[in-house]
Amino acid sequence: MISIRYKALIPMGLLAGLLLTIVAIAVFALSQVMTINQSLAGRYYEIEEIRQIEVGVSKLVIPFISYLETG
C-alpha cells in the first residue's frame, strides 16, 4: 500500500519537473529572441545607411531632372 507521503510527493515531484522544464524552455526561447533582436537591430542600421546614400544621390540627381524638365 502506498503511504500518504508518497501520494503527495509523487505529484509534487512531477509538477516540479514540469515547472523546471517550462523554465528551461522559456530561458532558451528568451535567448533566441535576444539573438534575433540583435540581428534585426544590425539590419536596421544597414538599411538606414542605404537610405542615407539614396537621399544623397537623389539630392544630386533631382536638380538635373528638374533642369531637363523645365529646359
C-alpha atoms as a PDB file:
ATOM      1  CA  MET A   1       0.000   0.000   0.000  1.00  0.00           C
ATOM      2  CA  ILE A   2       1.301   3.467  -0.896  1.00  0.00           C
ATOM      3  CA  SER A   3       1.623   5.797   2.054  1.00  0.00           C
ATOM      4  CA  ILE A   4       0.160   9.295   2.145  1.00  0.00           C
ATOM      5  CA  ARG A   5       3.662  10.752   1.990  1.00  0.00           C
ATOM      6  CA  TYR A   6       4.313   9.187  -1.427  1.00  0.00           C
ATOM      7  CA  LYS A   7       0.850  10.076  -2.657  1.00  0.00           C
ATOM      8  CA  ALA A   8       1.730  13.716  -2.010  1.00  0.00           C
ATOM      9  CA  LEU A   9       5.393  13.632  -3.069  1.00  0.00           C
ATOM     10  CA  ILE A  10       4.940  11.953  -6.445  1.00  0.00           C
ATOM     11  CA  PRO A  11       2.511  14.568  -7.885  1.00  0.00           C
ATOM     12  CA  MET A  12       4.588  17.388  -6.383  1.00  0.00           C
ATOM     13  CA  GLY A  13       7.727  15.913  -7.936  1.00  0.00           C
ATOM     14  CA  LEU A  14       6.026  15.619 -11.307  1.00  0.00           C
ATOM     15  CA  LEU A  15       4.791  19.208 -11.103  1.00  0.00           C
ATOM     16  CA  ALA A  16       8.241  20.441 -10.066  1.00  0.00           C
ATOM     17  CA  GLY A  17       9.802  18.594 -13.001  1.00  0.00           C
ATOM     18  CA  LEU A  18       7.237  20.076 -15.365  1.00  0.00           C
ATOM     19  CA  LEU A  19       7.865  23.540 -13.965  1.00  0.00           C
ATOM     20  CA  LEU A  20      11.637  23.162 -14.396  1.00  0.00           C
ATOM     21  CA  THR A  21      11.107  22.009 -17.979  1.00  0.00           C
ATOM     22  CA  ILE A  22       8.924  25.041 -18.716  1.00  0.00           C
ATOM     23  CA  VAL A  23      11.516  27.361 -17.162  1.00  0.00           C
ATOM     24  CA  ALA A  24      14.295  25.800 -19.264  1.00  0.00           C
ATOM     25  CA  ILE A  25      12.231  26.206 -22.444  1.00  0.00           C
ATOM     26  CA  ALA A  26      11.430  29.824 -21.543  1.00  0.00           C
ATOM     27  CA  VAL A  27      15.107  30.654 -20.949  1.00  0.00           C
ATOM     28  CA  PHE A  28      16.042  29.067 -24.280  1.00  0.00           C
ATOM     29  CA  ALA A  29      13.265  30.952 -26.086  1.00  0.00           C
ATOM     30  CA  LEU A  30      14.339  34.226 -24.481  1.00  0.00           C
ATOM     31  CA  SER A  31      17.921  33.731 -25.612  1.00  0.00           C
ATOM     32  CA  GLN A  32      16.718  33.046 -29.155  1.00  0.00           C
ATOM     33  CA  VAL A  33      14.559  36.188 -29.128  1.00  0.00           C
ATOM     34  CA  MET A  34      17.511  38.264 -27.932  1.00  0.00           C
ATOM     35  CA  THR A  35      19.670  36.881 -30.748  1.00  0.00           C
ATOM     36  CA  ILE A  36      17.006  37.707 -33.327  1.00  0.00           C
ATOM     37  CA  ASN A  37      16.575  41.178 -31.840  1.00  0.00           C
ATOM     38  CA  GLN A  38      20.301  41.902 -32.133  1.00  0.00           C
ATOM     39  CA  SER A  39      20.289  40.686 -35.728  1.00  0.00           C
ATOM     40  CA  LEU A  40      17.338  42.921 -36.590  1.00  0.00           C
ATOM     41  CA  ALA A  41      18.978  45.912 -34.915  1.00  0.00           C
ATOM     42  CA  GLY A  42      22.068  45.376 -37.068  1.00  0.00           C
ATOM     43  CA  ARG A  43      19.906  45.178 -40.170  1.00  0.00           C
ATOM     44  CA  TYR A  44      18.162  48.413 -39.219  1.00  0.00           C
ATOM     45  CA  TYR A  45      21.457  50.316 -39.202  1.00  0.00           C
ATOM     46  CA  GLU A  46      22.407  48.789 -42.558  1.00  0.00           C
ATOM     47  CA  ILE A  47      19.078  49.869 -44.047  1.00  0.00           C
ATOM     48  CA  GLU A  48      19.476  53.344 -42.556  1.00  0.00           C
ATOM     49  CA  GLU A  49      22.906  53.718 -44.171  1.00  0.00           C
ATOM     50  CA  ILE A  50      21.484  52.678 -47.545  1.00  0.00           C
ATOM     51  CA  ARG A  51      18.631  55.157 -47.120  1.00  0.00           C
ATOM     52  CA  GLN A  52      21.118  57.948 -46.413  1.00  0.00           C
ATOM     53  CA  ILE A  53      23.015  57.080 -49.607  1.00  0.00           C
ATOM     54  CA  GLU A  54      19.739  57.084 -51.519  1.00  0.00           C
ATOM     55  CA  VAL A  55      18.822  60.517 -50.141  1.00  0.00           C
ATOM     56  CA  GLY A  56      22.263  61.857 -51.053  1.00  0.00           C
ATOM     57  CA  VAL A  57      22.021  60.527 -54.608  1.00  0.00           C
ATOM     58  CA  SER A  58      18.536  61.942 -55.040  1.00  0.00           C
ATOM     59  CA  LYS A  59      19.774  65.366 -53.887  1.00  0.00           C
ATOM     60  CA  LEU A  60      22.397  65.195 -56.631  1.00  0.00           C
ATOM     61  CA  VAL A  61      20.076  63.932 -59.358  1.00  0.00           C
ATOM     62  CA  ILE A  62      16.913  65.989 -58.742  1.00  0.00           C
ATOM     63  CA  PRO A  63      18.399  69.324 -59.945  1.00  0.00           C
ATOM     64  CA  PHE A  64      19.426  67.703 -63.236  1.00  0.00           C
ATOM     65  CA  ILE A  65      15.996  66.143 -63.713  1.00  0.00           C
ATOM     66  CA  SER A  66      14.241  69.435 -62.976  1.00  0.00           C
ATOM     67  CA  TYR A  67      16.570  71.211 -65.426  1.00  0.00           C
ATOM     68  CA  LEU A  68      15.725  68.685 -68.123  1.00  0.00           C
ATOM     69  CA  GLU A  69      12.012  69.078 -67.453  1.00  0.00           C
ATOM     70  CA  THR A  70      11.972  72.884 -67.474  1.00  0.00           C
ATOM     71  CA  GLY A  71      14.526  73.329 -70.206  1.00  0.00           C
END
